[in-house]
Amino acid sequence: MSFRNFKMVDYVVFGRGAFNQLDDILAPRRKADAPMIFLVDHFFEGKPLVNRIPLRGKDKIIFADVTYEPKTTQVDALANELKESFGTVSGIIGIGGGSTMDLAKAVSLMMNNPGSSADYQGWDLVKFPGVYKAGIPTLSGTGAEVSRTTVLTGPTRKLGMNSDFTPFDQIVLDPELTKDAPVNQRFYTGMDCYIHCIESLEGTYLNEFSKSYGEKALELCQKVFVTKDHWDDESDDQLMMASYAGGMSIAYSQVGVAHAVSYGLSYLLGTKHGIGNCIVMNHLEEYYPAGVKEFKYMVEKNKIDIPQGICKGLTDEQFDVMINVSLGMKPLWENALGKDWEKIMTREKLRALYERL
C-alpha cells in the first residue's frame, strides 16, 4: 500500500489585519528588477483594498476578469504577456476568490513551464516549480488556498493542474477581507465547503486524516449557516477556517457526486463552481440524504435562491458533452460510489439527473 505524500502550503498567516504584513512577507522574496505581480479579482477595481497593496518598483496590479472560471487560454495569455513585458517576475500574488487563487497558481506555473497550461491538465504532469506565489482569499469556502490543484477549463475538458508544484508558497488568511462579500456569493462559496465535506466524509476514500479536518470544517459551516441567527465578525473567522480545514480534508480524500456533476455544468454552461454545486446538491437525496436535508434547511434559513431548470432546452449533443466531462472525473465517482461506480452511474442515469437541474 502506498500513502499519499502530501505537499502543503509552506507558510500560513492567519488573523484580522494580517494583510497589513504583506509588504514584510514579500520583501525577502523580491529579486532585483523582477516585479511582484498582483492578480486581483476585478470585483475590487476602484475599491479601498487596492490602495493597501504594497507596490514597489515595477510591481503591477492586473485585474483578473473572473466572470467565468479560469480558462487555459486566459492563463497562457497572462503568462506570455508577463514574459514579454518583464522576462521574469519575483512572484504572483492572487487576491480574490477561488477563481483568482486558481489563476494565480496556474500563471506562476506557466512562467517556468513550456507550452500551454492545457498540456498540464491532469495528475503530476507539471515538470518545473513555478515562480513564488502567494494566495490571499477574499471569499471563504473553495479551499483553493490550500489545494494542490488549479482548476482550469481547457479546449477539451475542465480539469486541474494537479501537482506538488501547484500549492502556494504563502497564504495570508485575513477574515476582514471577506466582510464585504455579497450575501449570495458568500453562501454559494460557503456551500462549496459544506458540500465537499459531506462528499469527503461519506466517501469510500475516507481516512482519519481527511475525517479530522472534514468534521471540523463541517462543524464550522453548521455554526455559521445553521445555528447562528445573524452574520458577525466571528462568522467570517469561522468560515475562513472551515475553508482551510475543508481544503486540507480533500487533500487526503476526494469530493463526490455534486462536484462531478457540476463540472459538466460549468464546462458547457459556464456555471460558477459554488452555485453549480448548490444546483446539483438540491437533487442528490439518493446519495447524501442527511446532507441534502440540512442543505435545503440552510438555503431556506438564509433566504437564498437556487436556480432551477438550467438544463431546459438543451440538445442531446449538449447533454452528451456534460456527461462526458462529468464521467471523466473518475476518482470523484469512485470515492462516491465505490470501485463499481460505472455500473451504478450509467450515462442514462446521469442524463436523467442533468434533466432535473
Protein backbone atom coordinates (compact mmCIF):
# COMPACT_ATOMS: atom_id res chain seq x y z
CA MET A 1 0.00 0.00 0.00
CA SER A 2 1.46 3.39 -0.88
CA PHE A 3 0.45 6.51 1.04
CA ARG A 4 -0.05 9.96 -0.41
CA ASN A 5 2.96 12.14 0.30
CA PHE A 6 1.08 15.37 0.64
CA LYS A 7 2.70 18.74 -0.25
CA MET A 8 1.28 21.52 1.91
CA VAL A 9 1.43 25.31 1.71
CA ASP A 10 4.82 26.43 3.10
CA TYR A 11 3.73 29.44 5.17
CA VAL A 12 0.37 30.45 6.65
CA VAL A 13 -0.51 33.66 8.46
CA PHE A 14 -3.99 33.94 9.99
CA GLY A 15 -5.71 36.84 11.72
CA ARG A 16 -7.65 40.07 11.33
CA GLY A 17 -5.37 42.66 9.76
CA ALA A 18 -2.82 40.05 8.61
CA PHE A 19 -2.98 41.65 5.13
CA ASN A 20 -1.01 44.60 6.57
CA GLN A 21 2.05 42.32 6.87
CA LEU A 22 2.15 41.62 3.14
CA ASP A 23 5.00 44.06 2.41
CA ASP A 24 7.23 42.43 5.07
CA ILE A 25 6.29 38.93 3.87
CA LEU A 26 7.18 39.70 0.25
CA ALA A 27 10.39 41.67 0.94
CA PRO A 28 12.77 38.67 1.16
CA ARG A 29 11.19 37.16 -1.99
CA ARG A 30 11.90 40.14 -4.22
CA LYS A 31 14.57 39.83 -6.90
CA ALA A 32 16.29 42.86 -8.40
CA ASP A 33 14.39 44.24 -11.41
CA ALA A 34 11.80 41.46 -11.28
CA PRO A 35 8.43 42.83 -10.13
CA MET A 36 5.75 41.28 -7.97
CA ILE A 37 2.55 40.84 -9.96
CA PHE A 38 -0.71 41.22 -8.04
CA LEU A 39 -3.57 39.37 -9.73
CA VAL A 40 -6.66 40.91 -8.18
CA ASP A 41 -10.31 39.91 -8.63
CA HIS A 42 -11.95 42.60 -10.80
CA PHE A 43 -14.61 42.97 -8.04
CA PHE A 44 -12.05 45.14 -6.20
CA GLU A 45 -11.38 47.61 -9.03
CA GLY A 46 -11.83 51.08 -7.55
CA LYS A 47 -12.30 49.69 -4.02
CA PRO A 48 -10.17 50.64 -0.96
CA LEU A 49 -8.38 47.26 -0.81
CA VAL A 50 -6.40 48.14 -3.96
CA ASN A 51 -4.78 51.12 -2.21
CA ARG A 52 -3.47 48.80 0.51
CA ILE A 53 -1.43 46.64 -1.91
CA PRO A 54 2.28 47.23 -1.16
CA LEU A 55 3.61 48.18 -4.62
CA ARG A 56 7.37 48.59 -5.05
CA GLY A 57 9.43 49.44 -8.15
CA LYS A 58 7.93 47.94 -11.30
CA ASP A 59 5.24 45.97 -9.43
CA LYS A 60 1.98 45.69 -11.34
CA ILE A 61 -1.64 45.12 -10.44
CA ILE A 62 -3.59 43.12 -13.02
CA PHE A 63 -7.35 42.94 -12.53
CA ALA A 64 -8.46 39.42 -13.37
CA ASP A 65 -11.82 39.04 -15.06
CA VAL A 66 -13.33 36.10 -13.20
CA THR A 67 -16.85 36.45 -14.59
CA TYR A 68 -16.22 32.89 -15.78
CA GLU A 69 -13.89 30.39 -14.19
CA PRO A 70 -10.28 30.43 -15.43
CA LYS A 71 -9.56 29.06 -18.88
CA THR A 72 -6.26 27.68 -20.13
CA THR A 73 -6.28 30.38 -22.85
CA GLN A 74 -6.53 33.11 -20.17
CA VAL A 75 -3.65 31.59 -18.17
CA ASP A 76 -1.43 31.30 -21.25
CA ALA A 77 -2.18 34.87 -22.35
CA LEU A 78 -1.32 36.28 -18.90
CA ALA A 79 1.91 34.27 -18.59
CA ASN A 80 3.02 35.24 -22.12
CA GLU A 81 2.25 38.91 -21.50
CA LEU A 82 4.35 38.88 -18.31
CA LYS A 83 7.26 37.10 -20.01
CA GLU A 84 7.22 39.63 -22.86
CA SER A 85 6.99 42.63 -20.50
CA PHE A 86 9.42 41.59 -17.78
CA GLY A 87 11.23 38.40 -18.81
CA THR A 88 10.73 37.03 -15.34
CA VAL A 89 8.89 38.14 -12.19
CA SER A 90 9.59 37.83 -8.46
CA GLY A 91 6.19 36.36 -7.76
CA ILE A 92 2.48 36.13 -8.49
CA ILE A 93 0.15 37.21 -5.67
CA GLY A 94 -3.50 36.19 -6.07
CA ILE A 95 -6.08 38.31 -4.22
CA GLY A 96 -9.72 37.25 -4.60
CA GLY A 97 -12.00 34.21 -4.60
CA GLY A 98 -11.26 30.65 -5.71
CA SER A 99 -11.04 31.55 -9.41
CA THR A 100 -8.39 34.21 -8.72
CA MET A 101 -6.48 31.76 -6.50
CA ASP A 102 -6.50 29.18 -9.30
CA LEU A 103 -5.45 31.76 -11.87
CA ALA A 104 -2.50 32.89 -9.73
CA LYS A 105 -1.30 29.32 -9.17
CA ALA A 106 -1.57 28.48 -12.88
CA VAL A 107 0.17 31.65 -14.11
CA SER A 108 3.01 31.07 -11.61
CA LEU A 109 3.50 27.54 -13.01
CA MET A 110 3.36 28.71 -16.63
CA MET A 111 6.13 31.28 -16.04
CA ASN A 112 8.54 28.33 -15.78
CA ASN A 113 6.92 25.51 -17.79
CA PRO A 114 6.91 25.37 -21.61
CA GLY A 115 3.86 25.04 -23.87
CA SER A 116 0.25 25.63 -22.86
CA SER A 117 -1.38 25.14 -19.48
CA ALA A 118 -3.72 22.70 -21.28
CA ASP A 119 -0.70 20.34 -21.58
CA TYR A 120 -0.64 20.02 -17.79
CA GLN A 121 -4.32 19.31 -17.08
CA GLY A 122 -4.21 16.07 -15.16
CA TRP A 123 -2.19 14.50 -12.36
CA ASP A 124 1.52 15.18 -11.84
CA LEU A 125 2.28 16.45 -15.34
CA VAL A 126 3.92 19.74 -14.29
CA LYS A 127 7.70 19.47 -14.75
CA PHE A 128 9.17 22.56 -13.02
CA PRO A 129 8.31 24.66 -9.96
CA GLY A 130 6.61 27.95 -10.79
CA VAL A 131 7.73 31.38 -9.61
CA TYR A 132 6.99 32.33 -5.98
CA LYS A 133 3.24 32.51 -5.38
CA ALA A 134 1.05 33.74 -2.56
CA GLY A 135 -2.72 33.41 -2.13
CA ILE A 136 -4.91 35.90 -0.28
CA PRO A 137 -8.56 34.76 -0.25
CA THR A 138 -11.33 37.37 -0.08
CA LEU A 139 -14.06 34.71 -0.07
CA SER A 140 -14.16 31.59 2.08
CA GLY A 141 -15.15 28.09 1.07
CA THR A 142 -13.39 26.75 -2.00
CA GLY A 143 -10.25 25.57 -0.19
CA ALA A 144 -8.28 26.74 -3.27
CA GLU A 145 -5.83 28.42 -0.89
CA VAL A 146 -4.53 25.04 0.29
CA SER A 147 -5.17 22.65 -2.60
CA ARG A 148 -2.59 21.07 -4.92
CA THR A 149 -4.74 21.78 -7.94
CA THR A 150 -5.70 24.75 -10.05
CA VAL A 151 -8.96 24.01 -11.85
CA LEU A 152 -8.99 25.19 -15.48
CA THR A 153 -11.39 24.88 -18.39
CA GLY A 154 -9.33 23.76 -21.36
CA PRO A 155 -10.10 23.08 -25.03
CA THR A 156 -11.41 19.59 -24.28
CA ARG A 157 -12.01 19.31 -20.55
CA LYS A 158 -12.34 21.02 -17.20
CA LEU A 159 -9.54 19.62 -15.12
CA GLY A 160 -6.90 20.88 -12.70
CA MET A 161 -3.14 21.08 -12.95
CA ASN A 162 -2.78 18.68 -10.00
CA SER A 163 0.84 18.59 -8.86
CA ASP A 164 3.24 19.05 -5.95
CA PHE A 165 4.36 22.29 -7.62
CA THR A 166 0.85 23.76 -7.52
CA PRO A 167 0.31 24.73 -3.84
CA PHE A 168 1.04 28.28 -2.75
CA ASP A 169 4.33 29.14 -1.06
CA GLN A 170 2.45 31.50 1.25
CA ILE A 171 -1.16 32.19 2.18
CA VAL A 172 -2.50 35.18 4.09
CA LEU A 173 -5.80 34.40 5.81
CA ASP A 174 -7.33 37.71 6.88
CA PRO A 175 -11.05 37.36 7.69
CA GLU A 176 -11.51 41.15 7.43
CA LEU A 177 -11.09 40.82 3.66
CA THR A 178 -14.29 38.75 3.37
CA LYS A 179 -16.64 41.08 5.24
CA ASP A 180 -18.00 42.92 2.17
CA ALA A 181 -18.68 39.79 0.13
CA PRO A 182 -22.17 39.80 -1.46
CA VAL A 183 -24.59 37.66 0.59
CA ASN A 184 -25.43 35.19 -2.21
CA GLN A 185 -21.79 34.80 -3.22
CA ARG A 186 -20.76 34.19 0.38
CA PHE A 187 -23.42 31.50 0.70
CA TYR A 188 -22.55 29.71 -2.56
CA THR A 189 -18.83 29.67 -1.71
CA GLY A 190 -19.52 28.58 1.87
CA MET A 191 -21.67 25.76 0.49
CA ASP A 192 -18.79 24.62 -1.70
CA CYS A 193 -17.00 23.89 1.58
CA TYR A 194 -20.07 22.30 3.20
CA ILE A 195 -20.73 20.08 0.16
CA HIS A 196 -17.16 18.88 -0.24
CA CYS A 197 -17.12 17.98 3.47
CA ILE A 198 -20.28 15.89 3.05
CA GLU A 199 -18.77 14.20 -0.03
CA SER A 200 -15.46 13.54 1.69
CA LEU A 201 -16.98 12.26 4.95
CA GLU A 202 -19.35 9.87 3.15
CA GLY A 203 -16.85 8.73 0.54
CA THR A 204 -15.05 5.40 0.19
CA TYR A 205 -11.63 7.16 0.37
CA LEU A 206 -12.27 8.33 3.93
CA ASN A 207 -9.43 8.05 6.47
CA GLU A 208 -8.66 9.67 9.84
CA PHE A 209 -6.62 12.48 8.28
CA SER A 210 -9.40 13.72 6.00
CA LYS A 211 -12.04 12.88 8.60
CA SER A 212 -10.43 15.03 11.31
CA TYR A 213 -10.28 18.10 9.09
CA GLY A 214 -13.61 17.37 7.37
CA GLU A 215 -15.54 17.05 10.63
CA LYS A 216 -14.12 20.34 11.92
CA ALA A 217 -14.89 22.17 8.67
CA LEU A 218 -18.43 20.78 8.64
CA GLU A 219 -18.99 21.83 12.26
CA LEU A 220 -17.84 25.39 11.46
CA CYS A 221 -20.13 25.57 8.40
CA GLN A 222 -23.05 24.40 10.56
CA LYS A 223 -22.28 27.09 13.18
CA VAL A 224 -22.31 29.79 10.52
CA PHE A 225 -25.25 28.68 8.36
CA VAL A 226 -27.46 26.61 10.69
CA THR A 227 -27.00 27.75 14.31
CA LYS A 228 -26.43 31.49 14.03
CA ASP A 229 -29.23 33.98 13.52
CA HIS A 230 -27.10 36.81 12.13
CA TRP A 231 -23.75 37.29 10.43
CA ASP A 232 -20.91 38.74 12.52
CA ASP A 233 -17.12 39.03 12.51
CA GLU A 234 -16.84 35.63 14.18
CA SER A 235 -18.76 34.13 11.23
CA ASP A 236 -16.08 35.42 8.83
CA ASP A 237 -13.33 33.95 11.06
CA GLN A 238 -15.13 30.60 11.29
CA LEU A 239 -15.88 30.31 7.59
CA MET A 240 -12.28 31.15 6.68
CA MET A 241 -11.07 28.33 8.94
CA ALA A 242 -13.77 26.00 7.55
CA SER A 243 -12.41 26.68 4.07
CA TYR A 244 -8.84 25.91 5.16
CA ALA A 245 -9.80 22.72 7.04
CA GLY A 246 -12.12 21.63 4.21
CA GLY A 247 -9.31 22.06 1.70
CA MET A 248 -6.98 20.02 3.93
CA SER A 249 -9.63 17.30 4.21
CA ILE A 250 -9.96 16.99 0.42
CA ALA A 251 -6.17 16.85 0.03
CA TYR A 252 -6.21 13.41 1.57
CA SER A 253 -9.52 12.15 0.19
CA GLN A 254 -11.72 13.29 -2.68
CA VAL A 255 -15.01 15.01 -3.48
CA GLY A 256 -18.05 13.23 -4.94
CA VAL A 257 -21.28 13.37 -6.93
CA ALA A 258 -22.12 17.09 -6.61
CA HIS A 259 -18.68 18.16 -7.81
CA ALA A 260 -18.53 15.58 -10.60
CA VAL A 261 -21.89 16.71 -11.98
CA SER A 262 -21.21 20.42 -11.53
CA TYR A 263 -18.01 20.16 -13.60
CA GLY A 264 -20.22 19.29 -16.59
CA LEU A 265 -22.41 22.34 -15.97
CA SER A 266 -19.51 24.72 -15.75
CA TYR A 267 -17.81 23.28 -18.84
CA LEU A 268 -20.90 23.61 -21.05
CA LEU A 269 -22.88 26.47 -19.48
CA GLY A 270 -20.16 28.42 -17.67
CA THR A 271 -21.97 27.90 -14.34
CA LYS A 272 -19.78 29.13 -11.48
CA HIS A 273 -18.45 26.39 -9.22
CA GLY A 274 -20.15 27.33 -5.94
CA ILE A 275 -23.58 27.93 -7.42
CA GLY A 276 -23.19 24.84 -9.65
CA ASN A 277 -22.60 22.66 -6.60
CA CYS A 278 -25.71 24.13 -4.95
CA ILE A 279 -27.86 23.50 -8.05
CA VAL A 280 -26.74 19.85 -8.10
CA MET A 281 -26.83 19.26 -4.32
CA ASN A 282 -30.52 20.23 -4.35
CA HIS A 283 -31.22 16.96 -6.21
CA LEU A 284 -28.90 14.43 -4.54
CA GLU A 285 -31.16 12.92 -1.83
CA GLU A 286 -30.38 9.48 -3.24
CA TYR A 287 -26.66 9.85 -2.45
CA TYR A 288 -26.45 12.20 0.56
CA PRO A 289 -29.89 12.13 2.26
CA ALA A 290 -28.93 13.82 5.56
CA GLY A 291 -26.63 16.35 3.89
CA VAL A 292 -29.26 17.37 1.33
CA LYS A 293 -31.89 17.78 4.03
CA GLU A 294 -29.62 20.09 6.02
CA PHE A 295 -28.55 21.90 2.84
CA LYS A 296 -32.19 22.68 1.98
CA TYR A 297 -32.73 23.97 5.51
CA MET A 298 -29.71 26.32 5.16
CA VAL A 299 -30.97 27.59 1.80
CA GLU A 300 -34.36 28.40 3.31
CA LYS A 301 -32.96 29.88 6.54
CA ASN A 302 -30.55 32.15 4.69
CA LYS A 303 -33.21 33.11 2.09
CA ILE A 304 -31.11 32.09 -0.89
CA ASP A 305 -32.47 31.39 -4.36
CA ILE A 306 -31.08 28.29 -6.06
CA PRO A 307 -31.63 28.48 -9.84
CA GLN A 308 -33.93 25.81 -11.33
CA GLY A 309 -34.37 24.48 -14.85
CA ILE A 310 -30.93 25.44 -16.13
CA CYS A 311 -30.76 22.40 -18.46
CA LYS A 312 -34.13 23.03 -20.12
CA GLY A 313 -33.98 23.04 -23.90
CA LEU A 314 -30.50 21.52 -24.22
CA THR A 315 -29.83 19.26 -27.22
CA ASP A 316 -28.80 15.59 -27.00
CA GLU A 317 -25.36 16.69 -28.15
CA GLN A 318 -25.09 19.23 -25.30
CA PHE A 319 -26.19 16.66 -22.73
CA ASP A 320 -23.51 14.31 -24.10
CA VAL A 321 -20.81 16.97 -23.65
CA MET A 322 -21.75 17.42 -19.98
CA ILE A 323 -21.99 13.66 -19.40
CA ASN A 324 -18.54 13.11 -20.95
CA VAL A 325 -16.92 15.82 -18.83
CA SER A 326 -18.61 14.53 -15.69
CA LEU A 327 -17.82 10.84 -16.23
CA GLY A 328 -14.19 11.82 -16.89
CA MET A 329 -13.88 12.67 -13.17
CA LYS A 330 -13.15 9.04 -12.28
CA PRO A 331 -11.64 9.50 -8.78
CA LEU A 332 -14.68 11.54 -7.72
CA TRP A 333 -17.13 8.85 -8.81
CA GLU A 334 -15.05 6.09 -7.26
CA ASN A 335 -14.93 7.97 -3.95
CA ALA A 336 -18.70 8.49 -4.03
CA LEU A 337 -19.92 5.13 -5.29
CA GLY A 338 -17.04 2.66 -4.92
CA LYS A 339 -14.99 0.62 -7.41
CA ASP A 340 -18.06 -0.47 -9.40
CA TRP A 341 -19.29 3.09 -9.90
CA GLU A 342 -19.61 2.71 -13.69
CA LYS A 343 -22.33 0.08 -13.19
CA ILE A 344 -24.20 2.47 -10.87
CA MET A 345 -23.82 5.83 -12.64
CA THR A 346 -24.73 4.98 -16.21
CA ARG A 347 -24.99 7.59 -18.95
CA GLU A 348 -28.78 7.25 -18.82
CA LYS A 349 -28.91 7.82 -15.08
CA LEU A 350 -26.62 10.86 -15.33
CA ARG A 351 -28.68 12.27 -18.18
CA ALA A 352 -31.84 11.96 -16.08
CA LEU A 353 -30.09 13.82 -13.24
CA TYR A 354 -28.99 16.67 -15.56
CA GLU A 355 -32.54 16.93 -16.90
CA ARG A 356 -33.83 17.61 -13.37
CA LEU A 357 -31.42 20.51 -12.71
